[in-house]
Amino acid sequence: MKHYILLGIFFLAFLQLSAQEFTFEVSINTPQLQTVDPKVFEDLENTMRDFLNNQKWTEHDYSPEERIQCNIQLNIREEVNATNFRGDLNIQAVRPVFGSSYETPLLTHVDKGVEFSYEQFQPLQYIKNSYSDNLSAVLSFYVYVILGLDYDSYSPFGGEPYLQTAQEIINAVPPGAKDQYDGWKPGRVSRNRYWMMDNLLSPSVRPFRQAIYDYHRQGLDLMSSDPNTGRAIMNNAISEVGKVEKSNPNIMIIQMFVNAKRNEIVDVFSGGTATEKSKIRTTMTKLDASNANVYRKGLGR
């Protein structure tokens, strides 16, 4: 009987593990810190990894090959005191491209100046419509942003419930914490978590989210079987992104798009026709003017 019970426990554990949505690689860098015991950050790294990988974030079951591949690097720059820290959070997420071994970037983003409190062995937790601590809230927020972008890339506006959950995380942060920790309200900058969700859920930006679906599912996923059609659809999708930027100048989500897609777009369209290269070069130079040389070099002048 004990054998059957143990087998049942192992089987349930396997099912739970195989259902998880993410494979997060997590690392913490502390190059400037001197007073805190390094074991504190070793524990935090493990705690973050377990929190992100072992929690069930959706109602869907994912097989191991379906999991969203992500990387989070926390660069701690300052000890505010013995248990309070400030640093930059680097987040990358990719999804597979149909018919290939290639993985396309969904998100490449740096959240600067993330401040949080942490004591060794302190748990991280996400409870819907509740606020536990700032680090738990920030990590949970990006989990749902990534889910929103991933689902949007597979079906038109398929990520809506996950983006709404990310907005709910912002709403659950109490006023005192919003005043203490940057990123949760408009404040002095227009490129933080508040504005990210304002962009993604704005009716005027919905054509951008449609373009995300067209770019990935209708275009990039077609490249292995019909590259000419795939490039044409991607080109049109990027043109729609350009129209959104023209109507909403300098919005954060456009910069996030070009940060994630810059190199990929050059790679894809370097094999296109002269007309395709010219069109995409013109569009991307307007969207990403500070990197115009990347497009001129990769796609010709």
C-alpha atoms as a PDB file:
ATOM      1  CA  MET A   1       0.000   0.000   0.000  1.00  0.00           C
ATOM      2  CA  LYS A   2       2.820   2.425   0.876  1.00  0.00           C
ATOM      3  CA  HIS A   3       4.307   1.859  -2.568  1.00  0.00           C
ATOM      4  CA  TYR A   4       1.041   2.842  -4.233  1.00  0.00           C
ATOM      5  CA  ILE A   5       0.761   5.970  -2.092  1.00  0.00           C
ATOM      6  CA  LEU A   6       4.312   6.986  -2.947  1.00  0.00           C
ATOM      7  CA  LEU A   7       3.720   6.325  -6.621  1.00  0.00           C
ATOM      8  CA  GLY A   8       0.579   8.428  -6.465  1.00  0.00           C
ATOM      9  CA  ILE A   9       2.438  11.303  -4.827  1.00  0.00           C
ATOM     10  CA  PHE A  10       5.215  11.164  -7.414  1.00  0.00           C
ATOM     11  CA  PHE A  11       2.681  10.992 -10.238  1.00  0.00           C
ATOM     12  CA  LEU A  12       0.784  14.024  -8.963  1.00  0.00           C
ATOM     13  CA  ALA A  13       4.030  15.916  -8.527  1.00  0.00           C
ATOM     14  CA  PHE A  14       5.025  15.025 -12.090  1.00  0.00           C
ATOM     15  CA  LEU A  15       1.679  16.195 -13.441  1.00  0.00           C
ATOM     16  CA  GLN A  16       1.966  19.474 -11.574  1.00  0.00           C
ATOM     17  CA  LEU A  17       5.514  20.034 -12.796  1.00  0.00           C
ATOM     18  CA  SER A  18       4.671  19.178 -16.395  1.00  0.00           C
ATOM     19  CA  ALA A  19       1.756  21.623 -16.344  1.00  0.00           C
ATOM     20  CA  GLN A  20       3.861  24.695 -15.619  1.00  0.00           C
ATOM     21  CA  GLU A  21       3.898  27.504 -18.140  1.00  0.00           C
ATOM     22  CA  PHE A  22       7.499  28.726 -17.872  1.00  0.00           C
ATOM     23  CA  THR A  23      11.114  27.771 -17.854  1.00  0.00           C
ATOM     24  CA  PHE A  24      12.813  30.739 -16.221  1.00  0.00           C
ATOM     25  CA  GLU A  25      16.555  31.058 -15.949  1.00  0.00           C
ATOM     26  CA  VAL A  26      17.299  33.368 -13.023  1.00  0.00           C
ATOM     27  CA  SER A  27      20.557  35.048 -12.036  1.00  0.00           C
ATOM     28  CA  ILE A  28      21.503  37.767  -9.563  1.00  0.00           C
ATOM     29  CA  ASN A  29      24.575  39.952  -9.882  1.00  0.00           C
ATOM     30  CA  THR A  30      25.858  41.950  -6.904  1.00  0.00           C
ATOM     31  CA  PRO A  31      29.106  43.514  -8.158  1.00  0.00           C
ATOM     32  CA  GLN A  32      29.115  46.526  -5.845  1.00  0.00           C
ATOM     33  CA  LEU A  33      27.805  45.046  -2.614  1.00  0.00           C
ATOM     34  CA  GLN A  34      30.087  44.457   0.326  1.00  0.00           C
ATOM     35  CA  THR A  35      28.156  44.132   3.581  1.00  0.00           C
ATOM     36  CA  VAL A  36      25.384  41.602   2.935  1.00  0.00           C
ATOM     37  CA  ASP A  37      26.202  37.907   3.209  1.00  0.00           C
ATOM     38  CA  PRO A  38      26.329  36.479  -0.365  1.00  0.00           C
ATOM     39  CA  LYS A  39      24.255  33.522   0.850  1.00  0.00           C
ATOM     40  CA  VAL A  40      21.289  35.897   1.143  1.00  0.00           C
ATOM     41  CA  PHE A  41      21.375  36.459  -2.603  1.00  0.00           C
ATOM     42  CA  GLU A  42      21.963  32.782  -3.346  1.00  0.00           C
ATOM     43  CA  ASP A  43      18.774  32.083  -1.412  1.00  0.00           C
ATOM     44  CA  LEU A  44      16.944  34.899  -3.201  1.00  0.00           C
ATOM     45  CA  GLU A  45      17.999  33.550  -6.597  1.00  0.00           C
ATOM     46  CA  ASN A  46      16.650  30.097  -5.727  1.00  0.00           C
ATOM     47  CA  THR A  47      13.475  31.605  -4.277  1.00  0.00           C
ATOM     48  CA  MET A  48      12.846  33.650  -7.427  1.00  0.00           C
ATOM     49  CA  ARG A  49      13.470  30.607  -9.635  1.00  0.00           C
ATOM     50  CA  ASP A  50      11.049  28.441  -7.650  1.00  0.00           C
ATOM     51  CA  PHE A  51       8.442  31.187  -7.535  1.00  0.00           C
ATOM     52  CA  LEU A  52       8.491  31.742 -11.297  1.00  0.00           C
ATOM     53  CA  ASN A  53       8.804  28.125 -12.434  1.00  0.00           C
ATOM     54  CA  ASN A  54       6.758  26.152  -9.923  1.00  0.00           C
ATOM     55  CA  GLN A  55       3.640  28.280  -9.560  1.00  0.00           C
ATOM     56  CA  LYS A  56       0.582  27.716 -11.753  1.00  0.00           C
ATOM     57  CA  TRP A  57      -0.103  31.000 -13.530  1.00  0.00           C
ATOM     58  CA  THR A  58      -2.942  29.995 -15.868  1.00  0.00           C
ATOM     59  CA  GLU A  59      -5.668  27.368 -16.111  1.00  0.00           C
ATOM     60  CA  HIS A  60      -3.921  25.699 -19.051  1.00  0.00           C
ATOM     61  CA  ASP A  61      -1.559  22.755 -18.979  1.00  0.00           C
ATOM     62  CA  TYR A  62       1.747  23.067 -20.821  1.00  0.00           C
ATOM     63  CA  SER A  63       3.904  20.198 -21.973  1.00  0.00           C
ATOM     64  CA  PRO A  64       7.650  20.722 -21.416  1.00  0.00           C
ATOM     65  CA  GLU A  65       8.240  21.653 -25.065  1.00  0.00           C
ATOM     66  CA  GLU A  66       5.434  24.250 -24.912  1.00  0.00           C
ATOM     67  CA  ARG A  67       6.824  26.176 -21.960  1.00  0.00           C
ATOM     68  CA  ILE A  68       7.708  29.814 -22.510  1.00  0.00           C
ATOM     69  CA  GLN A  69      11.468  30.229 -22.261  1.00  0.00           C
ATOM     70  CA  CYS A  70      12.494  33.246 -20.196  1.00  0.00           C
ATOM     71  CA  ASN A  71      15.547  34.771 -18.626  1.00  0.00           C
ATOM     72  CA  ILE A  72      15.601  37.185 -15.701  1.00  0.00           C
ATOM     73  CA  GLN A  73      18.754  38.840 -14.446  1.00  0.00           C
ATOM     74  CA  LEU A  74      18.633  41.039 -11.360  1.00  0.00           C
ATOM     75  CA  ASN A  75      21.578  43.407 -11.138  1.00  0.00           C
ATOM     76  CA  ILE A  76      21.628  44.811  -7.617  1.00  0.00           C
ATOM     77  CA  ARG A  77      23.322  48.198  -7.631  1.00  0.00           C
ATOM     78  CA  GLU A  78      22.660  49.546  -4.154  1.00  0.00           C
ATOM     79  CA  GLU A  79      22.139  48.464  -0.579  1.00  0.00           C
ATOM     80  CA  VAL A  80      19.632  50.954   0.764  1.00  0.00           C
ATOM     81  CA  ASN A  81      20.058  49.241   4.131  1.00  0.00           C
ATOM     82  CA  ALA A  82      20.585  45.692   5.412  1.00  0.00           C
ATOM     83  CA  THR A  83      17.320  44.384   3.969  1.00  0.00           C
ATOM     84  CA  ASN A  84      16.426  46.910   1.244  1.00  0.00           C
ATOM     85  CA  PHE A  85      17.983  46.900  -2.190  1.00  0.00           C
ATOM     86  CA  ARG A  86      17.744  48.664  -5.535  1.00  0.00           C
ATOM     87  CA  GLY A  87      18.702  47.277  -8.915  1.00  0.00           C
ATOM     88  CA  ASP A  88      17.832  46.729 -12.556  1.00  0.00           C
ATOM     89  CA  LEU A  89      15.712  43.813 -13.734  1.00  0.00           C
ATOM     90  CA  ASN A  90      16.544  42.456 -17.210  1.00  0.00           C
ATOM     91  CA  ILE A  91      13.746  40.353 -18.710  1.00  0.00           C
ATOM     92  CA  GLN A  92      13.819  38.326 -21.912  1.00  0.00           C
ATOM     93  CA  ALA A  93      11.160  35.955 -23.220  1.00  0.00           C
ATOM     94  CA  VAL A  94      10.987  33.980 -26.470  1.00  0.00           C
ATOM     95  CA  ARG A  95       8.555  31.733 -28.254  1.00  0.00           C
ATOM     96  CA  PRO A  96       9.244  28.998 -30.839  1.00  0.00           C
ATOM     97  CA  VAL A  97       8.651  29.615 -34.528  1.00  0.00           C
ATOM     98  CA  PHE A  98       6.591  26.985 -36.327  1.00  0.00           C
ATOM     99  CA  GLY A  99       8.529  24.560 -38.503  1.00  0.00           C
ATOM    100  CA  SER A 100      11.961  25.615 -37.266  1.00  0.00           C
ATOM    101  CA  SER A 101      14.315  25.483 -34.308  1.00  0.00           C
ATOM    102  CA  TYR A 102      14.335  29.285 -34.170  1.00  0.00           C
ATOM    103  CA  GLU A 103      12.961  31.141 -31.139  1.00  0.00           C
ATOM    104  CA  THR A 104      11.616  34.654 -31.642  1.00  0.00           C
ATOM    105  CA  PRO A 105      11.952  37.273 -28.882  1.00  0.00           C
ATOM    106  CA  LEU A 106       8.668  38.422 -27.372  1.00  0.00           C
ATOM    107  CA  LEU A 107      10.117  40.737 -24.759  1.00  0.00           C
ATOM    108  CA  THR A 108      13.539  42.275 -24.220  1.00  0.00           C
ATOM    109  CA  HIS A 109      13.209  44.834 -21.471  1.00  0.00           C
ATOM    110  CA  VAL A 110      15.090  46.450 -18.611  1.00  0.00           C
ATOM    111  CA  ASP A 111      13.112  47.684 -15.609  1.00  0.00           C
ATOM    112  CA  LYS A 112      15.489  50.166 -14.001  1.00  0.00           C
ATOM    113  CA  GLY A 113      15.605  51.103 -10.346  1.00  0.00           C
ATOM    114  CA  VAL A 114      13.522  48.258  -8.918  1.00  0.00           C
ATOM    115  CA  GLU A 115      13.594  48.629  -5.136  1.00  0.00           C
ATOM    116  CA  PHE A 116      12.564  45.825  -2.796  1.00  0.00           C
ATOM    117  CA  SER A 117      12.900  44.445   0.715  1.00  0.00           C
ATOM    118  CA  TYR A 118      14.190  40.947   1.321  1.00  0.00           C
ATOM    119  CA  GLU A 119      15.396  38.911   4.280  1.00  0.00           C
ATOM    120  CA  GLN A 120      16.939  35.472   3.899  1.00  0.00           C
ATOM    121  CA  PHE A 121      14.367  32.655   3.528  1.00  0.00           C
ATOM    122  CA  GLN A 122      11.555  35.167   3.004  1.00  0.00           C
ATOM    123  CA  PRO A 123       8.976  33.625   0.638  1.00  0.00           C
ATOM    124  CA  LEU A 124       7.701  35.232  -2.527  1.00  0.00           C
ATOM    125  CA  GLN A 125       4.008  34.861  -3.248  1.00  0.00           C
ATOM    126  CA  TYR A 126       1.308  35.888  -5.672  1.00  0.00           C
ATOM    127  CA  ILE A 127      -2.283  36.100  -4.462  1.00  0.00           C
ATOM    128  CA  LYS A 128      -4.826  37.429  -6.935  1.00  0.00           C
ATOM    129  CA  ASN A 129      -6.017  40.960  -6.142  1.00  0.00           C
ATOM    130  CA  SER A 130      -3.679  41.144  -3.161  1.00  0.00           C
ATOM    131  CA  TYR A 131      -0.313  42.801  -2.490  1.00  0.00           C
ATOM    132  CA  SER A 132       2.382  40.943  -0.578  1.00  0.00           C
ATOM    133  CA  ASP A 133       5.654  42.757  -1.268  1.00  0.00           C
ATOM    134  CA  ASN A 134       7.186  44.745  -4.082  1.00  0.00           C
ATOM    135  CA  LEU A 135       9.449  42.060  -5.553  1.00  0.00           C
ATOM    136  CA  SER A 136       6.618  39.510  -5.673  1.00  0.00           C
ATOM    137  CA  ALA A 137       4.406  42.094  -7.373  1.00  0.00           C
ATOM    138  CA  VAL A 138       7.045  43.077  -9.955  1.00  0.00           C
ATOM    139  CA  LEU A 139       7.833  39.475 -10.879  1.00  0.00           C
ATOM    140  CA  SER A 140       4.136  38.520 -11.078  1.00  0.00           C
ATOM    141  CA  PHE A 141       3.466  41.582 -13.225  1.00  0.00           C
ATOM    142  CA  TYR A 142       6.049  40.538 -15.804  1.00  0.00           C
ATOM    143  CA  VAL A 143       4.803  36.949 -15.794  1.00  0.00           C
ATOM    144  CA  TYR A 144       1.405  38.165 -16.944  1.00  0.00           C
ATOM    145  CA  VAL A 145       2.828  40.656 -19.430  1.00  0.00           C
ATOM    146  CA  ILE A 146       4.798  37.812 -21.015  1.00  0.00           C
ATOM    147  CA  LEU A 147       1.713  35.580 -21.055  1.00  0.00           C
ATOM    148  CA  GLY A 148      -0.258  38.407 -22.667  1.00  0.00           C
ATOM    149  CA  LEU A 149       2.309  38.939 -25.402  1.00  0.00           C
ATOM    150  CA  ASP A 150       2.666  35.193 -25.985  1.00  0.00           C
ATOM    151  CA  TYR A 151      -1.068  34.593 -26.334  1.00  0.00           C
ATOM    152  CA  ASP A 152      -1.458  37.697 -28.526  1.00  0.00           C
ATOM    153  CA  SER A 153       1.149  36.195 -30.866  1.00  0.00           C
ATOM    154  CA  TYR A 154      -0.971  33.049 -31.368  1.00  0.00           C
ATOM    155  CA  SER A 155      -4.469  34.530 -31.660  1.00  0.00           C
ATOM    156  CA  PRO A 156      -5.837  38.071 -32.117  1.00  0.00           C
ATOM    157  CA  PHE A 157      -6.016  39.671 -28.655  1.00  0.00           C
ATOM    158  CA  GLY A 158      -5.673  36.237 -27.082  1.00  0.00           C
ATOM    159  CA  GLY A 159      -3.570  37.732 -24.296  1.00  0.00           C
ATOM    160  CA  GLU A 160      -6.316  40.048 -23.067  1.00  0.00           C
ATOM    161  CA  PRO A 161      -7.117  38.187 -19.796  1.00  0.00           C
ATOM    162  CA  TYR A 162      -3.429  38.048 -18.848  1.00  0.00           C
ATOM    163  CA  LEU A 163      -2.852  41.724 -19.601  1.00  0.00           C
ATOM    164  CA  GLN A 164      -5.914  42.502 -17.517  1.00  0.00           C
ATOM    165  CA  THR A 165      -4.389  40.482 -14.681  1.00  0.00           C
ATOM    166  CA  ALA A 166      -1.182  42.504 -15.004  1.00  0.00           C
ATOM    167  CA  GLN A 167      -3.322  45.641 -14.682  1.00  0.00           C
ATOM    168  CA  GLU A 168      -4.985  44.163 -11.599  1.00  0.00           C
ATOM    169  CA  ILE A 169      -1.549  43.687 -10.038  1.00  0.00           C
ATOM    170  CA  ILE A 170      -0.917  47.413 -10.511  1.00  0.00           C
ATOM    171  CA  ASN A 171      -4.326  48.224  -9.024  1.00  0.00           C
ATOM    172  CA  ALA A 172      -3.634  46.014  -5.979  1.00  0.00           C
ATOM    173  CA  VAL A 173      -0.466  47.897  -5.026  1.00  0.00           C
ATOM    174  CA  PRO A 174      -1.510  50.115  -2.097  1.00  0.00           C
ATOM    175  CA  PRO A 175      -1.052  53.882  -2.378  1.00  0.00           C
ATOM    176  CA  GLY A 176       1.749  53.891   0.187  1.00  0.00           C
ATOM    177  CA  ALA A 177       3.716  51.295  -1.764  1.00  0.00           C
ATOM    178  CA  LYS A 178       3.117  53.190  -5.023  1.00  0.00           C
ATOM    179  CA  ASP A 179       4.627  56.248  -3.361  1.00  0.00           C
ATOM    180  CA  GLN A 180       7.549  54.260  -1.953  1.00  0.00           C
ATOM    181  CA  TYR A 181       8.401  52.166  -5.005  1.00  0.00           C
ATOM    182  CA  ASP A 182       8.815  53.567  -8.506  1.00  0.00           C
ATOM    183  CA  GLY A 183       7.058  52.125 -11.526  1.00  0.00           C
ATOM    184  CA  TRP A 184       3.466  51.682 -10.399  1.00  0.00           C
ATOM    185  CA  LYS A 185       2.075  55.153 -11.207  1.00  0.00           C
ATOM    186  CA  PRO A 186       2.644  57.842 -13.871  1.00  0.00           C
ATOM    187  CA  GLY A 187       5.205  59.763 -11.832  1.00  0.00           C
ATOM    188  CA  ARG A 188       8.121  61.542 -13.442  1.00  0.00           C
ATOM    189  CA  VAL A 189       8.688  59.149 -16.348  1.00  0.00           C
ATOM    190  CA  SER A 190       6.597  57.837 -19.224  1.00  0.00           C
ATOM    191  CA  ARG A 191       8.353  54.465 -19.490  1.00  0.00           C
ATOM    192  CA  ASN A 192       7.472  52.307 -16.515  1.00  0.00           C
ATOM    193  CA  ARG A 193       5.068  49.495 -15.596  1.00  0.00           C
ATOM    194  CA  TYR A 194       2.116  51.857 -15.354  1.00  0.00           C
ATOM    195  CA  TRP A 195       2.663  53.175 -18.880  1.00  0.00           C
ATOM    196  CA  MET A 196       3.397  49.714 -20.264  1.00  0.00           C
ATOM    197  CA  MET A 197      -0.098  48.604 -19.319  1.00  0.00           C
ATOM    198  CA  ASP A 198      -1.635  51.933 -20.315  1.00  0.00           C
ATOM    199  CA  ASN A 199      -0.187  51.337 -23.794  1.00  0.00           C
ATOM    200  CA  LEU A 200      -1.099  47.674 -24.104  1.00  0.00           C
ATOM    201  CA  LEU A 201      -4.717  48.150 -22.983  1.00  0.00           C
ATOM    202  CA  SER A 202      -5.377  51.428 -24.781  1.00  0.00           C
ATOM    203  CA  PRO A 203      -8.023  51.211 -27.566  1.00  0.00           C
ATOM    204  CA  SER A 204      -5.810  53.369 -29.788  1.00  0.00           C
ATOM    205  CA  VAL A 205      -3.024  50.781 -29.535  1.00  0.00           C
ATOM    206  CA  ARG A 206      -5.143  47.735 -30.364  1.00  0.00           C
ATOM    207  CA  PRO A 207      -3.903  47.770 -33.989  1.00  0.00           C
ATOM    208  CA  PHE A 208      -0.432  47.203 -32.545  1.00  0.00           C
ATOM    209  CA  ARG A 209      -1.618  44.046 -30.818  1.00  0.00           C
ATOM    210  CA  GLN A 210      -3.296  42.865 -34.039  1.00  0.00           C
ATOM    211  CA  ALA A 211       0.017  43.480 -35.767  1.00  0.00           C
ATOM    212  CA  ILE A 212       1.760  41.310 -33.156  1.00  0.00           C
ATOM    213  CA  TYR A 213      -0.501  38.411 -34.169  1.00  0.00           C
ATOM    214  CA  ASP A 214      -0.025  39.060 -37.886  1.00  0.00           C
ATOM    215  CA  TYR A 215       3.762  39.392 -37.517  1.00  0.00           C
ATOM    216  CA  HIS A 216       4.140  36.120 -35.597  1.00  0.00           C
ATOM    217  CA  ARG A 217       1.353  33.685 -36.463  1.00  0.00           C
ATOM    218  CA  GLN A 218       0.551  34.831 -39.993  1.00  0.00           C
ATOM    219  CA  GLY A 219       4.057  35.872 -41.011  1.00  0.00           C
ATOM    220  CA  LEU A 220       6.980  34.459 -39.059  1.00  0.00           C
ATOM    221  CA  ASP A 221       5.356  31.053 -38.563  1.00  0.00           C
ATOM    222  CA  LEU A 222       4.970  30.829 -42.349  1.00  0.00           C
ATOM    223  CA  MET A 223       8.611  31.521 -43.144  1.00  0.00           C
ATOM    224  CA  SER A 224       9.715  27.884 -43.177  1.00  0.00           C
ATOM    225  CA  SER A 225       7.150  26.924 -45.848  1.00  0.00           C
ATOM    226  CA  ASP A 226       6.544  30.161 -47.778  1.00  0.00           C
ATOM    227  CA  PRO A 227       9.152  32.834 -47.004  1.00  0.00           C
ATOM    228  CA  ASN A 228       7.927  35.280 -49.648  1.00  0.00           C
ATOM    229  CA  THR A 229       4.388  35.376 -48.274  1.00  0.00           C
ATOM    230  CA  GLY A 230       5.711  35.370 -44.716  1.00  0.00           C
ATOM    231  CA  ARG A 231       7.899  38.411 -45.367  1.00  0.00           C
ATOM    232  CA  ALA A 232       5.056  40.256 -47.100  1.00  0.00           C
ATOM    233  CA  ILE A 233       2.730  39.740 -44.130  1.00  0.00           C
ATOM    234  CA  MET A 234       5.449  40.734 -41.656  1.00  0.00           C
ATOM    235  CA  ASN A 235       6.174  43.854 -43.696  1.00  0.00           C
ATOM    236  CA  ASN A 236       2.520  44.874 -43.584  1.00  0.00           C
ATOM    237  CA  ALA A 237       2.364  44.167 -39.847  1.00  0.00           C
ATOM    238  CA  ILE A 238       5.374  46.386 -39.216  1.00  0.00           C
ATOM    239  CA  SER A 239       3.730  49.105 -41.313  1.00  0.00           C
ATOM    240  CA  GLU A 240       0.721  48.895 -38.962  1.00  0.00           C
ATOM    241  CA  VAL A 241       3.082  49.318 -36.003  1.00  0.00           C
ATOM    242  CA  GLY A 242       4.358  52.438 -37.774  1.00  0.00           C
ATOM    243  CA  LYS A 243       0.813  53.798 -38.066  1.00  0.00           C
ATOM    244  CA  VAL A 244       0.242  53.260 -34.335  1.00  0.00           C
ATOM    245  CA  GLU A 245       3.440  55.142 -33.537  1.00  0.00           C
ATOM    246  CA  LYS A 246       2.416  58.000 -35.817  1.00  0.00           C
ATOM    247  CA  SER A 247      -0.888  58.321 -33.949  1.00  0.00           C
ATOM    248  CA  ASN A 248       0.769  57.843 -30.543  1.00  0.00           C
ATOM    249  CA  PRO A 249       4.275  59.339 -30.793  1.00  0.00           C
ATOM    250  CA  ASN A 250       6.994  58.033 -28.472  1.00  0.00           C
ATOM    251  CA  ILE A 251       4.839  55.515 -26.656  1.00  0.00           C
ATOM    252  CA  MET A 252       6.715  52.946 -24.609  1.00  0.00           C
ATOM    253  CA  ILE A 253       5.363  49.825 -26.290  1.00  0.00           C
ATOM    254  CA  ILE A 254       6.855  50.807 -29.663  1.00  0.00           C
ATOM    255  CA  GLN A 255      10.316  51.059 -28.121  1.00  0.00           C
ATOM    256  CA  MET A 256       9.810  47.659 -26.505  1.00  0.00           C
ATOM    257  CA  PHE A 257       8.869  46.225 -29.903  1.00  0.00           C
ATOM    258  CA  VAL A 258      11.954  47.531 -31.689  1.00  0.00           C
ATOM    259  CA  ASN A 259      14.231  46.483 -28.820  1.00  0.00           C
ATOM    260  CA  ALA A 260      12.959  42.919 -29.146  1.00  0.00           C
ATOM    261  CA  LYS A 261      12.722  42.740 -32.933  1.00  0.00           C
ATOM    262  CA  ARG A 262      15.524  44.936 -34.333  1.00  0.00           C
ATOM    263  CA  ASN A 263      18.007  42.177 -35.182  1.00  0.00           C
ATOM    264  CA  GLU A 264      15.327  39.699 -36.200  1.00  0.00           C
ATOM    265  CA  ILE A 265      13.795  42.117 -38.718  1.00  0.00           C
ATOM    266  CA  VAL A 266      17.175  42.783 -40.295  1.00  0.00           C
ATOM    267  CA  ASP A 267      17.873  39.040 -40.517  1.00  0.00           C
ATOM    268  CA  VAL A 268      14.494  38.218 -42.062  1.00  0.00           C
ATOM    269  CA  PHE A 269      14.469  41.018 -44.625  1.00  0.00           C
ATOM    270  CA  SER A 270      18.121  40.756 -45.623  1.00  0.00           C
ATOM    271  CA  GLY A 271      16.876  37.915 -47.850  1.00  0.00           C
ATOM    272  CA  GLY A 272      14.044  39.969 -49.343  1.00  0.00           C
ATOM    273  CA  THR A 273      13.689  41.904 -52.558  1.00  0.00           C
ATOM    274  CA  ALA A 274      15.046  45.414 -53.028  1.00  0.00           C
ATOM    275  CA  THR A 275      11.500  46.769 -52.727  1.00  0.00           C
ATOM    276  CA  GLU A 276      10.914  44.905 -49.462  1.00  0.00           C
ATOM    277  CA  LYS A 277      14.220  46.089 -48.043  1.00  0.00           C
ATOM    278  CA  SER A 278      13.508  49.676 -48.967  1.00  0.00           C
ATOM    279  CA  LYS A 279      10.044  49.646 -47.414  1.00  0.00           C
ATOM    280  CA  ILE A 280      11.113  47.978 -44.162  1.00  0.00           C
ATOM    281  CA  ARG A 281      14.204  50.165 -43.883  1.00  0.00           C
ATOM    282  CA  THR A 282      12.088  53.300 -44.182  1.00  0.00           C
ATOM    283  CA  THR A 283       9.559  52.097 -41.600  1.00  0.00           C
ATOM    284  CA  MET A 284      12.106  50.882 -39.068  1.00  0.00           C
ATOM    285  CA  THR A 285      14.279  53.991 -39.406  1.00  0.00           C
ATOM    286  CA  LYS A 286      11.263  56.073 -38.356  1.00  0.00           C
ATOM    287  CA  LEU A 287      10.359  53.710 -35.506  1.00  0.00           C
ATOM    288  CA  ASP A 288      13.925  53.261 -34.273  1.00  0.00           C
ATOM    289  CA  ALA A 289      15.757  56.381 -35.409  1.00  0.00           C
ATOM    290  CA  SER A 290      18.655  56.029 -32.973  1.00  0.00           C
ATOM    291  CA  ASN A 291      19.542  52.712 -34.628  1.00  0.00           C
ATOM    292  CA  ALA A 292      19.067  53.804 -38.244  1.00  0.00           C
ATOM    293  CA  ASN A 293      22.602  52.650 -39.044  1.00  0.00           C
ATOM    294  CA  VAL A 294      21.628  49.066 -38.128  1.00  0.00           C
ATOM    295  CA  TYR A 295      18.977  49.057 -40.869  1.00  0.00           C
ATOM    296  CA  ARG A 296      21.168  50.834 -43.413  1.00  0.00           C
ATOM    297  CA  LYS A 297      23.975  48.368 -42.810  1.00  0.00           C
ATOM    298  CA  GLY A 298      21.769  45.262 -42.758  1.00  0.00           C
ATOM    299  CA  LEU A 299      19.321  46.206 -45.505  1.00  0.00           C
ATOM    300  CA  GLY A 300      21.364  48.493 -47.744  1.00  0.00           C
ATOM    301  CA  ARG A 301      21.053  52.189 -48.343  1.00  0.00           C
END
